[in-house]
Amino acid sequence: MTISKKKVVLLLVEGSCEEVLLYNRLRGLFEQHNIRFHIQHGDILYDLDRPEEPIKSVIESSVNEFMIKSKFRPEDVFCVLHIIDMDGCFIPDDAIVIDDTQKELTIYHEDRITVPHEKQKLQIAARNADRSNNINIMKVLGTILSVDINYRMFYFSRNLEHVLFKEPNPEKDRKFPEVERFIEQLEMPIEEFLQQSMPVLKGLDPYSESWERITESTSSLQQYCNVPLLFDFVKFQSGQSPKW
């Protein structure tokens, strides 16, 4: 009797907190798949030290890196799910405000980003332009690589800690233990909790509409999340439910 090999559901994430938050639930829901995380340890959408390269190629290189390291072939991968932080990158430039009394380089608010001087304002504006452009490219793709692996991009806004704890500017050293403690104490499935932060959607394509909502005005600074759609996508691709 031949035992079919589990296909890989690969999640590209910025840090280990996303893995702590989602791994056990995804593994429990999708036992037929091999749930794997590829942690980027930073922002793959914006890197000052990276030579100019199309963002699709950057992300495909990251997926290839994972496959080589893990000894998977493209046909072993069921889909690639990319989770990002929005970091307010779609706000208008006039919502980046100088506060010369501010000691921190960047502070996020519900309707603006404050910075201490003009140099940092220009830096944030440049970062936002690059990140928003890269997101606009990737959010509409259905597949990546020449073998057409299914791909979708999802977001936490302004970041994971903002969605979970309503912390606008979380301290880096506290992130991991706080997320561990949160998931241990959570009394509902994580996708149900995250559903509370979904933007209000009215159309027949929640995925596209969730991206339209988050790119409006200062929405990318507010507490939104479309990660519940990630669960729906895997269910649909696995034949478990209608799409959306």
Protein backbone atom coordinates (compact mmCIF):
# COMPACT_ATOMS: atom_id res chain seq x y z
CA MET A 1 0.00 0.00 0.00
CA THR A 2 1.43 3.38 -1.00
CA ILE A 3 1.30 6.12 1.62
CA SER A 4 0.91 9.53 -0.02
CA LYS A 5 3.44 12.13 1.06
CA LYS A 6 2.06 15.20 2.81
CA LYS A 7 2.42 18.35 0.76
CA VAL A 8 3.94 21.45 2.32
CA VAL A 9 1.94 24.51 3.29
CA LEU A 10 4.74 27.05 3.56
CA LEU A 11 4.27 30.26 5.53
CA LEU A 12 6.69 33.12 4.92
CA VAL A 13 6.73 35.30 8.04
CA GLU A 14 8.86 38.12 9.44
CA GLY A 15 9.56 36.59 12.86
CA SER A 16 8.96 33.66 15.18
CA CYS A 17 5.87 35.19 16.83
CA GLU A 18 3.72 34.29 13.82
CA GLU A 19 4.82 30.67 14.09
CA VAL A 20 3.98 30.55 17.80
CA LEU A 21 0.58 32.08 17.08
CA LEU A 22 -0.50 29.91 14.16
CA TYR A 23 1.44 26.66 13.95
CA ASN A 24 -0.52 24.41 16.28
CA ARG A 25 -3.90 25.54 14.98
CA LEU A 26 -2.89 25.07 11.34
CA ARG A 27 -1.39 21.68 12.07
CA GLY A 28 -4.58 20.59 13.84
CA LEU A 29 -6.90 21.81 11.10
CA PHE A 30 -4.85 20.57 8.16
CA GLU A 31 -3.44 17.21 9.21
CA GLN A 32 -3.17 16.18 5.56
CA HIS A 33 -0.49 18.83 5.01
CA ASN A 34 3.00 19.47 6.31
CA ILE A 35 2.85 22.94 7.94
CA ARG A 36 6.18 24.70 7.70
CA PHE A 37 7.35 28.24 8.52
CA HIS A 38 10.18 30.10 6.81
CA ILE A 39 11.14 32.98 9.12
CA GLN A 40 12.69 35.97 7.36
CA HIS A 41 14.09 37.66 10.50
CA GLY A 42 13.23 41.03 9.03
CA ASP A 43 11.27 42.81 6.35
CA ILE A 44 11.59 41.06 3.00
CA LEU A 45 9.62 43.88 1.35
CA TYR A 46 12.17 46.58 2.14
CA ASP A 47 15.91 46.25 2.60
CA LEU A 48 18.26 49.18 2.09
CA ASP A 49 21.23 46.83 1.76
CA ARG A 50 19.66 44.68 -0.95
CA PRO A 51 20.55 45.47 -4.56
CA GLU A 52 17.59 46.48 -6.69
CA GLU A 53 15.71 43.34 -7.66
CA PRO A 54 12.06 42.75 -8.54
CA ILE A 55 10.18 41.84 -5.36
CA LYS A 56 8.69 38.73 -6.96
CA SER A 57 12.21 37.43 -7.61
CA VAL A 58 13.22 38.22 -4.01
CA ILE A 59 10.29 36.22 -2.62
CA GLU A 60 10.79 33.38 -5.07
CA SER A 61 14.46 33.22 -4.05
CA SER A 62 13.37 32.93 -0.42
CA VAL A 63 11.03 30.05 -1.28
CA ASN A 64 13.79 28.35 -3.27
CA GLU A 65 16.15 28.81 -0.32
CA PHE A 66 13.66 27.02 1.93
CA MET A 67 13.20 24.16 -0.54
CA ILE A 68 16.93 23.62 -0.98
CA LYS A 69 17.59 23.71 2.76
CA SER A 70 14.66 21.40 3.54
CA LYS A 71 15.27 19.15 0.51
CA PHE A 72 11.81 19.70 -0.95
CA ARG A 73 11.01 19.82 -4.65
CA PRO A 74 8.57 22.37 -6.07
CA GLU A 75 5.98 19.64 -6.55
CA ASP A 76 6.15 18.94 -2.80
CA VAL A 77 4.79 22.43 -2.00
CA PHE A 78 1.00 22.78 -1.79
CA CYS A 79 0.95 26.56 -1.41
CA VAL A 80 2.92 29.55 -0.13
CA LEU A 81 1.18 31.86 2.36
CA HIS A 82 2.97 35.13 3.00
CA ILE A 83 2.13 37.10 6.17
CA ILE A 84 3.37 40.67 6.48
CA ASP A 85 3.08 43.67 8.80
CA MET A 86 1.62 46.78 7.19
CA ASP A 87 3.61 49.31 9.26
CA GLY A 88 1.42 52.13 7.98
CA CYS A 89 3.05 51.98 4.57
CA PHE A 90 0.00 53.18 2.60
CA ILE A 91 -0.54 56.44 4.48
CA PRO A 92 -0.16 59.74 2.59
CA ASP A 93 3.15 61.54 3.07
CA ASP A 94 1.46 64.37 4.96
CA ALA A 95 0.52 61.83 7.67
CA ILE A 96 4.25 61.54 8.49
CA VAL A 97 4.63 64.35 11.02
CA ILE A 98 7.74 65.85 12.61
CA ASP A 99 7.73 66.14 16.41
CA ASP A 100 11.10 67.61 17.42
CA THR A 101 10.46 66.76 21.09
CA GLN A 102 10.34 63.05 20.25
CA LYS A 103 13.32 60.88 21.24
CA GLU A 104 12.32 57.75 19.31
CA LEU A 105 12.99 57.68 15.57
CA THR A 106 9.51 56.42 14.71
CA ILE A 107 6.26 56.33 16.69
CA TYR A 108 3.07 54.91 15.21
CA HIS A 109 -0.36 56.42 15.95
CA GLU A 110 -3.85 55.59 14.67
CA ASP A 111 -3.77 58.37 12.07
CA ARG A 112 -0.10 59.34 11.62
CA ILE A 113 3.54 58.42 12.08
CA THR A 114 5.65 60.88 14.07
CA VAL A 115 9.39 61.33 13.60
CA PRO A 116 11.91 63.69 15.25
CA HIS A 117 13.38 65.35 12.15
CA GLU A 118 13.17 65.83 8.40
CA LYS A 119 15.76 63.15 7.60
CA GLN A 120 13.66 60.46 9.28
CA LYS A 121 10.52 61.76 7.60
CA LEU A 122 12.14 61.33 4.19
CA GLN A 123 13.37 57.87 5.20
CA ILE A 124 9.90 56.71 6.25
CA ALA A 125 8.34 58.19 3.11
CA ALA A 126 10.86 56.31 0.95
CA ARG A 127 10.30 53.09 2.89
CA ASN A 128 6.54 53.44 2.55
CA ALA A 129 6.78 54.04 -1.19
CA ASP A 130 8.92 50.93 -1.73
CA ARG A 131 6.88 48.69 0.58
CA SER A 132 3.50 49.76 -0.79
CA ASN A 133 4.69 49.27 -4.35
CA ASN A 134 6.01 45.79 -3.53
CA ILE A 135 2.80 44.86 -1.74
CA ASN A 136 0.71 46.03 -4.70
CA ILE A 137 2.74 43.74 -6.95
CA MET A 138 2.49 40.66 -4.71
CA LYS A 139 -1.07 40.93 -3.40
CA VAL A 140 -2.58 40.32 -6.87
CA LEU A 141 -0.47 37.27 -7.72
CA GLY A 142 -2.11 33.86 -7.65
CA THR A 143 1.03 31.82 -8.22
CA ILE A 144 4.81 32.10 -7.99
CA LEU A 145 7.77 30.29 -9.55
CA SER A 146 7.71 28.71 -13.01
CA VAL A 147 5.82 25.70 -11.65
CA ASP A 148 2.90 27.92 -10.55
CA ILE A 149 2.79 27.24 -6.82
CA ASN A 150 -0.33 28.84 -5.32
CA TYR A 151 0.54 32.06 -3.47
CA ARG A 152 -1.39 34.51 -1.31
CA MET A 153 -0.29 37.46 0.84
CA PHE A 154 -2.00 38.34 4.15
CA TYR A 155 -1.47 41.10 6.70
CA PHE A 156 -1.44 42.19 10.30
CA SER A 157 -1.87 45.95 10.69
CA ARG A 158 0.00 47.75 11.90
CA ASN A 159 1.71 44.59 13.14
CA LEU A 160 0.90 41.34 14.95
CA GLU A 161 1.17 42.87 18.44
CA HIS A 162 -1.15 45.69 17.48
CA VAL A 163 -3.83 43.20 16.44
CA LEU A 164 -3.39 40.93 19.48
CA PHE A 165 -2.74 43.43 22.28
CA LYS A 166 -3.63 46.85 20.82
CA GLU A 167 -0.03 47.86 21.45
CA PRO A 168 0.82 50.62 18.95
CA ASN A 169 4.57 50.46 19.54
CA PRO A 170 5.51 47.09 21.09
CA GLU A 171 8.87 46.55 22.77
CA LYS A 172 10.91 44.01 20.82
CA ASP A 173 12.17 42.10 23.86
CA ARG A 174 8.62 41.48 25.10
CA LYS A 175 7.07 40.26 21.86
CA PHE A 176 7.80 36.53 21.97
CA PRO A 177 6.85 35.80 25.62
CA GLU A 178 3.69 37.91 25.29
CA VAL A 179 2.54 35.98 22.21
CA GLU A 180 3.34 32.66 23.90
CA ARG A 181 1.30 33.67 26.93
CA PHE A 182 -1.55 34.91 24.74
CA ILE A 183 -1.93 31.70 22.76
CA GLU A 184 -1.74 29.57 25.92
CA GLN A 185 -4.60 31.54 27.49
CA LEU A 186 -6.76 31.96 24.37
CA GLU A 187 -10.14 30.26 24.81
CA MET A 188 -11.23 30.28 21.17
CA PRO A 189 -9.64 29.25 17.86
CA ILE A 190 -7.13 31.86 16.80
CA GLU A 191 -8.93 32.50 13.49
CA GLU A 192 -12.10 33.39 15.42
CA PHE A 193 -10.18 35.86 17.55
CA LEU A 194 -8.56 37.42 14.49
CA GLN A 195 -11.94 37.65 12.77
CA GLN A 196 -12.72 40.51 15.14
CA SER A 197 -10.05 42.59 13.37
CA MET A 198 -11.19 41.86 9.84
CA PRO A 199 -12.18 45.02 7.95
CA VAL A 200 -15.88 45.29 7.09
CA LEU A 201 -16.34 43.62 3.70
CA LYS A 202 -19.36 43.81 1.40
CA GLY A 203 -18.36 42.16 -1.86
CA LEU A 204 -18.04 38.64 -3.22
CA ASP A 205 -14.22 38.60 -3.09
CA PRO A 206 -13.17 39.16 0.54
CA TYR A 207 -9.47 38.71 -0.25
CA SER A 208 -9.30 41.54 -2.81
CA GLU A 209 -11.64 43.75 -0.83
CA SER A 210 -9.62 43.28 2.38
CA TRP A 211 -6.63 44.69 0.50
CA GLU A 212 -8.66 47.59 -0.88
CA ARG A 213 -9.79 48.53 2.64
CA ILE A 214 -6.30 48.42 4.18
CA THR A 215 -4.78 50.66 1.50
CA GLU A 216 -7.27 53.49 2.02
CA SER A 217 -6.09 56.72 3.71
CA THR A 218 -4.53 55.83 7.11
CA SER A 219 -6.11 52.34 7.40
CA SER A 220 -2.70 50.68 7.31
CA LEU A 221 -2.03 52.22 10.73
CA GLN A 222 -5.24 50.90 12.25
CA GLN A 223 -6.05 47.58 13.87
CA TYR A 224 -6.98 45.35 10.93
CA CYS A 225 -6.09 41.83 9.90
CA ASN A 226 -7.09 39.55 7.01
CA VAL A 227 -5.30 36.43 8.27
CA PRO A 228 -8.63 34.60 8.85
CA LEU A 229 -8.85 34.41 5.05
CA LEU A 230 -5.66 32.36 5.10
CA PHE A 231 -7.54 29.55 6.83
CA ASP A 232 -10.36 29.81 4.29
CA PHE A 233 -7.89 29.68 1.41
CA VAL A 234 -6.21 26.47 2.61
CA LYS A 235 -9.62 24.88 3.24
CA PHE A 236 -10.75 25.74 -0.26
CA GLN A 237 -7.54 24.57 -1.91
CA SER A 238 -7.83 21.33 0.09
CA GLY A 239 -11.41 20.79 -1.04
CA GLN A 240 -12.84 21.33 2.44
CA SER A 241 -15.09 24.33 1.80
CA PRO A 242 -16.32 26.76 -0.85
CA LYS A 243 -13.96 29.64 -1.55
CA TRP A 244 -14.71 32.49 0.85
